[in-house]
Amino acid sequence: MKTLSMHTLLARLVITAVGLVALVAVLLGVATTLVMRNALTERLDADVVETLHRLDDAGPGGPGRGTPDLRNQAPGTLVAVFAGELGHEGIVVGDRPGESRSLSQEAYEVLGRMEVDQRVRDVSLPGVGRYRVAQGKVGDRVVVVGLPTKDVDESVGALVLAEAVLGLLSVLVAAGLGAFVVRRQLAPLREVAATAHRVAEQPLSEGEIDLGDRVPARLTDERNEVGQVGAALNILLDHVETSLAARQRSEQQVRQFVADASHELRTPLATIAGYAELARRQPEATATALEKVESESARMTSLVEDLLLLARLDSGRPLADDIVDLTKLLLEAVADARVRAPGHVWRLVLPEEPVEVRGDTHRLHQVATNLLTNAHHHTPPGTTVTVTGRPDGFVVHDDGPGFPAHLTDHAFERFVRADEARTSTGGAGLGLALVDAIVTAHGGRIVLQSSNEDTSVAVHLP
């Protein structure tokens, strides 16, 4: 079990709670002590004043040749009489009847310096102790009356001791209960932290990544602080998992892209090498070999240019931002398609008003050309291809055989061919990938709908 470190949140919360309890206990103790001392002192002062008045009422002619009558004085009472030239006299009443003791000369000197104003004072008398005393006149004599503060001091001391013991017990109980309650309240937070630690311990740089670990739903209630942390951690893990999956897909696509590009380039390179060997061994076949080398070089050049364009688009290189006459562009693209594929039926449907968009004229022309080339390459002669212009782009529709169902969602990926169902001419499978990349670079989107009887590709431009 982990010890309670000063650096943990649990320790800080418990120490704070215990500190507050201790502070409240001290404040209550000080306030209670002061109130009790004041109350006891006021009561003692009232007794002193009452004793002084009682002696005043007794008069100066009592027993003892002018000494006040001590018969009704409480034990511990101090009485001192100053008679001027006649001297002074004073006693402290004992605990037993008739018992008393005289005052020291030092005590007389302290009492003699007091003003005769009947105000109660706190004095410390040598040989006697601490007293609350008041001074007044009885006839022509000055009388000082006092009561000891011993009982008050003992009562206050007992109260302070009780408060100290109770305060210490309160602090200990608060520490124990605080640790239990805070630990219990922080249990959900520790569970959230455990989830974060488990995820953090997973290697995220390589291999199969599984971030299925999540904070339980019961700890994601955003109405409390722990729930907010748990919900935020789950959202973060979702984003990380999505990003890692996207990175893994991207890396896989790069590896597949390199493999496919190598494969596509290997075939024409092998062909060129073969015909070069043929020309070397059979000089009479040099013309045929050079013609084949030239065609394969052109094929490689086209493939490399397409790959270079895809790389540039992937890197986010900006395209031209001009006003493009889409109506004119579609007219030219369809006219070129009629020349290249006279066996197909080509239709062009344009709105009455000219269609203009912003973008790169050359690249948008390449989009239209690639879509029309794809339409006549992968459909038999006699297929009707309809190009429809729209204010936000255009649609290319053909009534030939569609894409296989398992390839529809992958039609715009690189090196994907639909040769199984459509007449193939041996393309590299980059035409639709280029179309998608160019449209995406323009901030648009492309939608493919295909069935067994027709195919429709819609280009939406901003």
Protein backbone atom coordinates (compact mmCIF):
# COMPACT_ATOMS: atom_id res chain seq x y z
CA MET A 1 0.00 0.00 0.00
CA LYS A 2 1.31 3.40 -0.92
CA THR A 3 2.24 5.73 1.91
CA LEU A 4 0.59 9.13 2.25
CA SER A 5 3.10 11.42 0.55
CA MET A 6 3.01 15.17 1.01
CA HIS A 7 2.99 15.52 -2.75
CA THR A 8 -0.20 13.54 -3.38
CA LEU A 9 -3.57 15.17 -3.82
CA LEU A 10 -4.94 12.92 -1.07
CA ALA A 11 -2.33 14.15 1.41
CA ARG A 12 -2.87 17.79 0.51
CA LEU A 13 -6.63 17.51 0.89
CA VAL A 14 -6.38 15.69 4.22
CA ILE A 15 -3.80 18.14 5.57
CA THR A 16 -5.97 21.05 4.47
CA ALA A 17 -9.07 19.59 6.12
CA VAL A 18 -7.20 18.78 9.34
CA GLY A 19 -5.62 22.24 9.33
CA LEU A 20 -9.04 23.85 9.04
CA VAL A 21 -10.41 21.70 11.89
CA ALA A 22 -7.40 22.58 14.05
CA LEU A 23 -7.77 26.28 13.26
CA VAL A 24 -11.49 26.22 14.12
CA ALA A 25 -10.74 24.32 17.34
CA VAL A 26 -8.09 26.86 18.36
CA LEU A 27 -10.35 29.81 17.57
CA LEU A 28 -13.25 28.28 19.49
CA GLY A 29 -10.94 27.45 22.40
CA VAL A 30 -9.50 30.95 22.57
CA ALA A 31 -12.95 32.52 22.32
CA THR A 32 -14.40 30.19 24.97
CA THR A 33 -11.45 30.79 27.30
CA LEU A 34 -11.68 34.56 26.98
CA VAL A 35 -15.43 34.55 27.53
CA MET A 36 -15.15 32.31 30.58
CA ARG A 37 -12.26 34.29 32.07
CA ASN A 38 -14.11 37.56 31.57
CA ALA A 39 -17.27 36.10 33.11
CA LEU A 40 -15.45 34.71 36.12
CA THR A 41 -13.42 37.90 36.53
CA GLU A 42 -16.56 40.06 36.38
CA ARG A 43 -18.21 37.87 39.00
CA LEU A 44 -15.12 38.10 41.19
CA ASP A 45 -15.03 41.89 40.75
CA ALA A 46 -18.68 42.09 41.75
CA ASP A 47 -17.87 40.17 44.92
CA VAL A 48 -14.97 42.55 45.66
CA VAL A 49 -17.17 45.62 45.24
CA GLU A 50 -19.92 44.04 47.32
CA THR A 51 -17.44 43.29 50.11
CA LEU A 52 -16.18 46.89 50.01
CA HIS A 53 -19.73 48.24 50.26
CA ARG A 54 -20.53 45.91 53.09
CA LEU A 55 -17.54 47.22 55.07
CA ASP A 56 -18.60 50.78 54.30
CA ASP A 57 -22.05 50.08 55.68
CA ALA A 58 -20.55 48.62 58.84
CA GLY A 59 -18.97 52.03 59.72
CA PRO A 60 -15.65 52.82 61.39
CA GLY A 61 -16.69 52.25 65.01
CA GLY A 62 -16.78 48.51 65.08
CA PRO A 63 -14.81 46.07 67.14
CA GLY A 64 -11.06 46.22 67.02
CA ARG A 65 -10.71 49.95 67.56
CA GLY A 66 -11.80 50.99 64.10
CA THR A 67 -10.80 47.82 62.24
CA PRO A 68 -13.64 46.62 59.98
CA ASP A 69 -15.60 43.65 61.16
CA LEU A 70 -14.24 40.47 59.53
CA ARG A 71 -16.84 38.13 60.90
CA ASN A 72 -18.84 37.84 57.69
CA GLN A 73 -15.93 37.77 55.21
CA ALA A 74 -15.38 34.81 52.93
CA PRO A 75 -12.22 32.71 53.24
CA GLY A 76 -9.30 34.15 51.30
CA THR A 77 -10.61 37.71 51.53
CA LEU A 78 -7.93 40.37 51.90
CA VAL A 79 -8.70 43.47 54.02
CA ALA A 80 -6.20 46.27 54.61
CA VAL A 81 -6.84 49.51 56.51
CA PHE A 82 -4.67 52.63 56.13
CA ALA A 83 -5.23 55.10 59.03
CA GLY A 84 -2.69 57.74 58.10
CA GLU A 85 -0.37 58.57 61.00
CA LEU A 86 -1.93 55.77 63.01
CA GLY A 87 -0.36 53.27 60.66
CA HIS A 88 -1.89 50.41 58.76
CA GLU A 89 -3.28 47.03 59.46
CA GLY A 90 -4.40 44.17 57.26
CA ILE A 91 -5.23 40.48 57.22
CA VAL A 92 -6.06 37.65 54.86
CA VAL A 93 -9.01 35.56 56.12
CA GLY A 94 -8.10 31.89 56.47
CA ASP A 95 -10.06 28.86 55.42
CA ARG A 96 -11.06 28.01 59.01
CA PRO A 97 -13.21 30.20 61.25
CA GLY A 98 -11.13 32.78 63.13
CA GLU A 99 -8.00 31.92 61.18
CA SER A 100 -6.11 34.76 59.42
CA ARG A 101 -2.64 35.89 58.48
CA SER A 102 -1.01 39.29 58.32
CA LEU A 103 0.21 41.07 55.20
CA SER A 104 3.87 41.68 54.48
CA GLN A 105 5.37 45.14 54.35
CA GLU A 106 5.90 44.75 50.62
CA ALA A 107 2.19 44.03 50.17
CA TYR A 108 1.31 47.21 52.13
CA GLU A 109 3.60 49.23 49.89
CA VAL A 110 1.89 47.90 46.72
CA LEU A 111 -1.58 48.55 48.14
CA GLY A 112 -0.61 51.98 49.45
CA ARG A 113 0.27 53.22 45.99
CA MET A 114 -3.27 52.60 44.67
CA GLU A 115 -5.71 55.42 44.00
CA VAL A 116 -8.84 55.64 46.11
CA ASP A 117 -11.42 55.34 43.32
CA GLN A 118 -13.21 52.05 44.14
CA ARG A 119 -12.08 50.65 40.78
CA VAL A 120 -11.19 46.95 40.78
CA ARG A 121 -7.61 46.17 39.79
CA ASP A 122 -5.47 43.10 39.30
CA VAL A 123 -2.38 43.11 41.54
CA SER A 124 0.30 40.65 42.51
CA LEU A 125 1.13 40.93 46.23
CA PRO A 126 4.47 39.60 47.52
CA GLY A 127 3.93 36.73 49.95
CA VAL A 128 0.16 36.67 49.24
CA GLY A 129 -0.45 36.05 45.51
CA ARG A 130 -2.58 37.52 42.75
CA TYR A 131 -5.69 39.38 43.86
CA ARG A 132 -8.48 41.49 42.44
CA VAL A 133 -8.66 44.50 44.79
CA ALA A 134 -10.68 47.68 45.16
CA GLN A 135 -9.91 50.68 47.39
CA GLY A 136 -12.38 53.01 49.10
CA LYS A 137 -12.94 55.12 52.23
CA VAL A 138 -14.70 54.01 55.36
CA GLY A 139 -14.97 57.08 57.57
CA ASP A 140 -11.50 58.67 57.67
CA ARG A 141 -9.75 55.44 56.88
CA VAL A 142 -8.73 54.00 53.50
CA VAL A 143 -9.83 50.42 53.16
CA VAL A 144 -8.56 47.97 50.53
CA VAL A 145 -10.57 44.82 49.87
CA GLY A 146 -9.48 41.98 47.61
CA LEU A 147 -10.32 38.43 46.57
CA PRO A 148 -7.82 35.88 45.21
CA THR A 149 -7.80 34.98 41.50
CA LYS A 150 -6.72 31.44 42.26
CA ASP A 151 -10.15 29.92 41.59
CA VAL A 152 -10.48 31.85 38.32
CA ASP A 153 -7.00 30.81 37.20
CA GLU A 154 -7.62 27.17 38.10
CA SER A 155 -10.98 27.13 36.31
CA VAL A 156 -9.49 28.73 33.20
CA GLY A 157 -6.50 26.35 33.33
CA ALA A 158 -8.81 23.35 33.56
CA LEU A 159 -10.81 24.69 30.62
CA VAL A 160 -7.65 25.20 28.53
CA LEU A 161 -6.48 21.66 29.34
CA ALA A 162 -9.87 20.23 28.37
CA GLU A 163 -9.88 22.27 25.18
CA ALA A 164 -6.37 21.08 24.30
CA VAL A 165 -7.31 17.43 24.83
CA LEU A 166 -10.57 17.77 22.91
CA GLY A 167 -8.82 19.74 20.17
CA LEU A 168 -6.15 17.06 19.79
CA LEU A 169 -8.82 14.35 19.68
CA SER A 170 -10.74 16.37 17.10
CA VAL A 171 -7.64 16.71 14.94
CA LEU A 172 -6.92 12.98 15.15
CA VAL A 173 -10.52 12.07 14.36
CA ALA A 174 -10.58 14.60 11.51
CA ALA A 175 -7.34 13.16 10.12
CA GLY A 176 -8.69 9.60 10.20
CA LEU A 177 -12.15 10.40 8.85
CA GLY A 178 -10.69 12.88 6.36
CA ALA A 179 -8.27 10.31 4.96
CA PHE A 180 -11.07 7.75 4.67
CA VAL A 181 -13.58 10.12 3.08
CA VAL A 182 -11.11 11.80 0.72
CA ARG A 183 -9.64 8.45 -0.33
CA ARG A 184 -13.15 7.20 -1.05
CA GLN A 185 -14.03 10.34 -3.00
CA LEU A 186 -10.80 10.18 -5.01
CA ALA A 187 -11.28 6.52 -5.94
CA PRO A 188 -12.97 7.44 -9.28
CA LEU A 189 -10.09 9.78 -10.10
CA ARG A 190 -7.58 7.01 -9.38
CA GLU A 191 -9.55 4.75 -11.73
CA VAL A 192 -9.37 7.39 -14.45
CA ALA A 193 -5.63 7.75 -13.84
CA ALA A 194 -5.21 3.96 -14.03
CA THR A 195 -6.86 3.98 -17.45
CA ALA A 196 -4.50 6.74 -18.59
CA HIS A 197 -1.49 4.78 -17.28
CA ARG A 198 -2.56 1.60 -19.06
CA VAL A 199 -2.87 3.48 -22.34
CA ALA A 200 0.43 5.31 -21.78
CA GLU A 201 2.27 2.02 -21.26
CA GLN A 202 1.29 0.77 -24.71
CA PRO A 203 3.89 1.14 -27.49
CA LEU A 204 2.35 3.57 -29.98
CA SER A 205 5.27 3.90 -32.37
CA GLU A 206 5.07 0.51 -34.02
CA GLY A 207 3.18 -2.73 -34.31
CA GLU A 208 -0.51 -3.39 -33.83
CA ILE A 209 -2.05 -0.61 -31.75
CA ASP A 210 -5.11 -1.32 -29.64
CA LEU A 211 -6.57 1.64 -27.76
CA GLY A 212 -9.81 -0.05 -26.82
CA ASP A 213 -9.31 0.79 -23.14
CA ARG A 214 -11.70 3.54 -22.03
CA VAL A 215 -12.89 5.18 -18.83
CA PRO A 216 -16.13 3.44 -17.70
CA ALA A 217 -19.36 5.25 -18.56
CA ARG A 218 -20.19 5.68 -14.87
CA LEU A 219 -17.11 7.93 -14.55
CA THR A 220 -17.93 10.18 -17.52
CA ASP A 221 -20.81 12.16 -16.03
CA GLU A 222 -19.87 15.74 -16.91
CA ARG A 223 -21.96 17.12 -14.06
CA ASN A 224 -18.97 16.56 -11.75
CA GLU A 225 -15.25 17.24 -12.07
CA VAL A 226 -14.14 13.60 -12.21
CA GLY A 227 -16.72 12.90 -14.90
CA GLN A 228 -15.41 15.84 -16.92
CA VAL A 229 -11.87 14.45 -16.71
CA GLY A 230 -13.07 10.96 -17.65
CA ALA A 231 -15.12 12.22 -20.60
CA ALA A 232 -12.23 14.39 -21.81
CA LEU A 233 -9.84 11.42 -21.58
CA ASN A 234 -12.22 9.24 -23.60
CA ILE A 235 -12.52 11.93 -26.27
CA LEU A 236 -8.73 12.26 -26.35
CA LEU A 237 -8.32 8.49 -26.69
CA ASP A 238 -10.88 8.46 -29.52
CA HIS A 239 -8.94 11.17 -31.35
CA VAL A 240 -5.63 9.40 -30.75
CA GLU A 241 -7.04 6.08 -31.93
CA THR A 242 -8.49 7.71 -35.05
CA SER A 243 -5.22 9.50 -35.77
CA LEU A 244 -3.15 6.37 -35.26
CA ALA A 245 -5.50 4.37 -37.47
CA ALA A 246 -5.26 7.07 -40.14
CA ARG A 247 -1.47 7.05 -39.82
CA GLN A 248 -1.37 3.29 -40.12
CA ARG A 249 -3.61 3.41 -43.18
CA SER A 250 -1.44 6.14 -44.65
CA GLU A 251 1.72 4.14 -44.05
CA GLN A 252 0.09 1.07 -45.54
CA GLN A 253 -1.03 3.11 -48.54
CA VAL A 254 2.49 4.48 -48.98
CA ARG A 255 3.96 0.99 -48.87
CA GLN A 256 1.31 -0.28 -51.26
CA PHE A 257 1.82 2.77 -53.46
CA VAL A 258 5.55 2.17 -53.68
CA ALA A 259 5.00 -1.52 -54.37
CA ASP A 260 2.41 -0.83 -57.09
CA ALA A 261 4.50 1.91 -58.67
CA SER A 262 7.50 -0.40 -58.72
CA HIS A 263 5.40 -3.10 -60.29
CA GLU A 264 3.99 -0.74 -62.92
CA LEU A 265 7.44 0.58 -63.80
CA ARG A 266 9.05 -2.85 -63.81
CA THR A 267 6.97 -4.07 -66.75
CA PRO A 268 7.93 -1.32 -69.26
CA LEU A 269 11.53 -1.42 -68.01
CA ALA A 270 11.64 -5.16 -68.64
CA THR A 271 10.10 -4.60 -72.07
CA ILE A 272 12.67 -1.92 -72.92
CA ALA A 273 15.51 -4.17 -71.74
CA GLY A 274 14.17 -7.06 -73.81
CA TYR A 275 13.86 -5.08 -77.03
CA ALA A 276 17.26 -3.50 -76.48
CA GLU A 277 18.72 -7.01 -76.21
CA LEU A 278 16.79 -7.97 -79.36
CA ALA A 279 18.20 -4.99 -81.28
CA ARG A 280 21.72 -5.88 -80.15
CA ARG A 281 21.43 -9.51 -81.25
CA GLN A 282 19.32 -8.93 -84.38
CA PRO A 283 20.24 -5.66 -86.05
CA GLU A 284 17.50 -6.18 -88.64
CA ALA A 285 14.87 -5.82 -85.84
CA THR A 286 16.28 -2.50 -84.60
CA ALA A 287 13.44 -0.41 -86.07
CA THR A 288 10.76 -2.53 -84.42
CA ALA A 289 12.68 -2.57 -81.15
CA LEU A 290 13.13 1.21 -81.12
CA GLU A 291 9.44 1.70 -81.84
CA LYS A 292 8.53 -0.53 -78.89
CA VAL A 293 11.11 1.18 -76.65
CA GLU A 294 9.62 4.55 -77.58
CA SER A 295 6.08 3.44 -76.75
CA GLU A 296 7.14 1.94 -73.43
CA SER A 297 9.13 5.10 -72.60
CA ALA A 298 6.04 7.18 -73.31
CA ARG A 299 4.03 4.88 -71.05
CA MET A 300 6.59 5.25 -68.25
CA THR A 301 6.72 9.01 -68.74
CA SER A 302 2.93 9.22 -68.44
CA LEU A 303 2.97 7.04 -65.32
CA VAL A 304 5.76 9.05 -63.69
CA GLU A 305 4.00 12.34 -64.49
CA ASP A 306 0.80 11.02 -62.93
CA LEU A 307 2.69 9.90 -59.83
CA LEU A 308 4.47 13.25 -59.61
CA LEU A 309 1.15 15.09 -59.87
CA LEU A 310 -0.37 12.92 -57.12
CA ALA A 311 2.66 13.59 -54.91
CA ARG A 312 2.34 17.33 -55.47
CA LEU A 313 -1.37 17.26 -54.69
CA ASP A 314 -0.74 15.18 -51.56
CA SER A 315 1.82 17.73 -50.36
CA GLY A 316 -0.85 20.44 -50.55
CA ARG A 317 0.77 22.44 -53.33
CA PRO A 318 -1.79 25.10 -54.34
CA LEU A 319 -3.39 25.07 -57.79
CA ALA A 320 -4.21 28.05 -59.99
CA ASP A 321 -7.23 30.07 -58.92
CA ASP A 322 -8.72 31.41 -62.14
CA ILE A 323 -12.23 31.80 -63.50
CA VAL A 324 -12.83 28.64 -65.56
CA ASP A 325 -15.44 28.51 -68.32
CA LEU A 326 -16.77 25.05 -67.54
CA THR A 327 -19.14 25.11 -70.53
CA LYS A 328 -16.25 25.57 -72.97
CA LEU A 329 -14.14 23.00 -71.12
CA LEU A 330 -16.88 20.32 -71.41
CA LEU A 331 -17.44 21.12 -75.08
CA GLU A 332 -13.75 20.57 -75.84
CA ALA A 333 -13.55 17.39 -73.72
CA VAL A 334 -16.59 15.79 -75.39
CA ALA A 335 -15.34 16.79 -78.87
CA ASP A 336 -11.99 15.12 -78.15
CA ALA A 337 -13.75 12.02 -76.84
CA ARG A 338 -15.81 11.72 -80.07
CA VAL A 339 -12.56 11.67 -82.05
CA ARG A 340 -10.87 9.10 -79.77
CA ALA A 341 -13.88 6.78 -79.44
CA PRO A 342 -16.20 7.14 -82.45
CA GLY A 343 -17.87 3.82 -81.60
CA HIS A 344 -19.54 5.34 -78.49
CA VAL A 345 -22.54 7.63 -78.43
CA TRP A 346 -21.58 10.97 -76.83
CA ARG A 347 -24.14 13.40 -75.48
CA LEU A 348 -23.60 16.81 -73.91
CA VAL A 349 -26.31 18.54 -71.87
CA LEU A 350 -25.56 22.13 -70.83
CA PRO A 351 -27.66 24.74 -69.05
CA GLU A 352 -28.74 27.82 -70.97
CA GLU A 353 -26.45 30.10 -68.99
CA PRO A 354 -22.67 29.65 -69.17
CA VAL A 355 -21.22 27.75 -66.21
CA GLU A 356 -18.19 29.31 -64.55
CA VAL A 357 -16.18 28.07 -61.57
CA ARG A 358 -12.93 29.07 -59.91
CA GLY A 359 -9.96 26.74 -60.25
CA ASP A 360 -7.14 25.46 -62.41
CA THR A 361 -8.29 25.22 -66.04
CA HIS A 362 -5.67 22.65 -67.06
CA ARG A 363 -6.35 20.36 -64.09
CA LEU A 364 -10.14 20.57 -64.46
CA HIS A 365 -9.76 19.72 -68.13
CA GLN A 366 -7.68 16.73 -67.02
CA VAL A 367 -10.54 15.67 -64.70
CA ALA A 368 -13.09 15.75 -67.53
CA THR A 369 -10.71 13.99 -69.93
CA ASN A 370 -9.89 11.23 -67.45
CA LEU A 371 -13.57 10.57 -66.70
CA LEU A 372 -14.47 10.41 -70.39
CA THR A 373 -11.43 8.23 -71.12
CA ASN A 374 -12.39 5.93 -68.28
CA ALA A 375 -15.95 5.74 -69.65
CA HIS A 376 -14.98 4.64 -73.17
CA HIS A 377 -12.05 2.45 -72.09
CA HIS A 378 -14.18 0.39 -69.71
CA THR A 379 -17.42 0.11 -71.73
CA PRO A 380 -18.08 -1.66 -75.02
CA PRO A 381 -18.73 0.21 -78.30
CA GLY A 382 -22.28 1.50 -78.64
CA THR A 383 -22.41 2.65 -75.01
CA THR A 384 -24.05 6.05 -74.54
CA VAL A 385 -22.02 8.48 -72.47
CA THR A 386 -23.87 11.61 -71.29
CA VAL A 387 -22.08 14.65 -69.88
CA THR A 388 -24.37 17.05 -67.99
CA GLY A 389 -23.19 20.48 -66.93
CA ARG A 390 -24.40 21.94 -63.65
CA PRO A 391 -23.86 25.24 -61.86
CA ASP A 392 -21.62 23.45 -59.31
CA GLY A 393 -19.84 21.02 -61.67
CA PHE A 394 -20.82 18.24 -64.03
CA VAL A 395 -21.90 14.59 -64.21
CA VAL A 396 -20.58 11.83 -66.50
CA HIS A 397 -23.07 8.99 -66.99
CA ASP A 398 -22.77 5.84 -69.09
CA ASP A 399 -25.13 2.90 -69.61
CA GLY A 400 -22.40 0.31 -69.78
CA PRO A 401 -21.53 -2.37 -67.21
CA GLY A 402 -20.86 -0.90 -63.81
CA PHE A 403 -18.13 -1.41 -61.25
CA PRO A 404 -18.12 -4.66 -59.29
CA ALA A 405 -19.83 -4.11 -55.92
CA HIS A 406 -16.66 -4.90 -53.96
CA LEU A 407 -14.70 -2.22 -55.89
CA THR A 408 -17.22 0.63 -55.70
CA ASP A 409 -15.87 1.95 -52.38
CA HIS A 410 -12.27 1.70 -53.61
CA ALA A 411 -12.69 3.09 -57.14
CA PHE A 412 -10.72 6.27 -56.41
CA GLU A 413 -7.77 4.55 -54.74
CA ARG A 414 -4.49 4.32 -56.61
CA PHE A 415 -3.73 1.33 -58.84
CA VAL A 416 -7.28 0.01 -58.49
CA ARG A 417 -8.68 -1.47 -61.69
CA ALA A 418 -12.13 -2.70 -62.58
CA ASP A 419 -10.91 -5.03 -65.30
CA GLU A 420 -12.99 -7.92 -64.06
CA ALA A 421 -16.28 -6.47 -65.32
CA ARG A 422 -15.27 -3.78 -67.84
CA THR A 423 -13.25 -4.01 -71.02
CA SER A 424 -9.68 -3.14 -70.05
CA THR A 425 -6.91 -1.49 -72.00
CA GLY A 426 -4.20 -2.14 -69.42
CA GLY A 427 -4.13 1.22 -67.65
CA ALA A 428 -2.15 1.77 -64.49
CA GLY A 429 -5.23 2.49 -62.36
CA LEU A 430 -4.38 6.12 -61.62
CA GLY A 431 -7.05 7.89 -63.67
CA LEU A 432 -9.80 8.06 -61.03
CA ALA A 433 -7.23 8.60 -58.27
CA LEU A 434 -6.02 11.71 -60.12
CA VAL A 435 -9.60 12.86 -60.60
CA ASP A 436 -10.34 12.55 -56.88
CA ALA A 437 -7.08 14.28 -55.87
CA ILE A 438 -7.62 17.23 -58.25
CA VAL A 439 -11.26 17.74 -57.21
CA THR A 440 -10.32 17.53 -53.53
CA ALA A 441 -7.53 20.09 -54.09
CA HIS A 442 -10.20 22.43 -55.51
CA GLY A 443 -12.21 22.03 -52.29
CA GLY A 444 -14.83 19.91 -54.02
CA ARG A 445 -15.98 16.32 -53.84
CA ILE A 446 -16.72 13.50 -56.22
CA VAL A 447 -19.54 10.95 -55.94
CA LEU A 448 -19.66 7.57 -57.72
CA GLN A 449 -22.87 5.61 -58.21
CA SER A 450 -22.64 2.32 -60.08
CA SER A 451 -24.90 -0.65 -60.79
CA ASN A 452 -24.97 -3.52 -63.23
CA GLU A 453 -26.60 -1.32 -65.88
CA ASP A 454 -24.99 2.10 -65.57
CA THR A 455 -22.37 4.25 -63.89
CA SER A 456 -22.60 7.90 -62.84
CA VAL A 457 -19.73 10.10 -61.60
CA ALA A 458 -20.73 13.53 -60.21
CA VAL A 459 -18.10 16.25 -59.76
CA HIS A 460 -19.12 18.95 -57.26
CA LEU A 461 -17.02 22.11 -57.27
CA PRO A 462 -17.32 25.07 -54.86
